[in-house]
């Protein structure tokens, strides 16, 4: 319990630091918000009046404190570009991003675990060597380039989806379209998960209890599936939990390639258009997702193997 409370406190402190650094960065890079809002109607008098109204003449720490207080009350500000609340904009774009992330994660779990087990089970064989070569190639190709290839091959050549024509409606309408960007994002993570699982299984297979079980006549496959796999869950679950954060970050680029109207595409357009409140909120939200996934990974690892918590608990 103390460990969880300590982790939550660390997470809260980290979020405050991240939000402050993000606020400072966008404040320095975005220029004068009053000038952007007034546009061609800007006059010195109107600019000064709007700066006072928005609190832009206040010291940086005062403006950050006000922004933080508003965020805690659920008010993330108003978009300069769209003229609506940042919360509503994010809510509108959250569905495609979460669906894309969930689909990519499902592909990683469904593909990498069987391949990782097979690669370890037949280590040194032709299947293992073939998977190793494929893994190296896949990890070397960035997702955005894979996305471009998928768009050309499956969209323009095979016509399995209409490139750039994101379907309207709920998740059921666009899940087929998101399969290809999800696969593009998932492929490098599949390769990394296969490599991690193979290494973990082979390391665990060298333990004394495995040799003892085999000396008693138990089958190699039985030991693998009943004992070895169970003991490799900690690194695997930890890696998969942190992978969710990577997938969210990877959606930033891949949504632009496939014209998916999600958080990633909104972030890029907001940065290009100097829409500071939107860009700042999305960056902090993504940072929160990364920190939360790391926390979940730690807690899951301790849940699976309580021995990991004995040292931490004593230290706390």
Foldseek 3Di string as FASTA:
>chain_A
DVVLVVLVVVLVVVLLVLLLVLLVVLVVPLPQLLCLLCPPVDDPVSSVVVCVVLVVPPDSVVNSVVCVVCVVVVFLDAWSVPRGGLVVLQVVFAQVLVLLLVLLLVVLVVQQPVLLLVLLVQPPDPSVVVLLVVLVVQLVDQLLVQLLVCCCPVCVPVNQDPFQCQDDDHCVVRSSVSNSSSCSLNRNVSSVLSVLSSVQLNVLCPDPVNVVVVVVPDDPVCCSVPPSNLVSVLVNLLSSLLVSLVSSVSCLNSCVSRVRSHLSVVLVVCVVSSRSSNVSVSSSVSVSSNSVSNSVSVVVSCVSPVVVCPVVVVVD
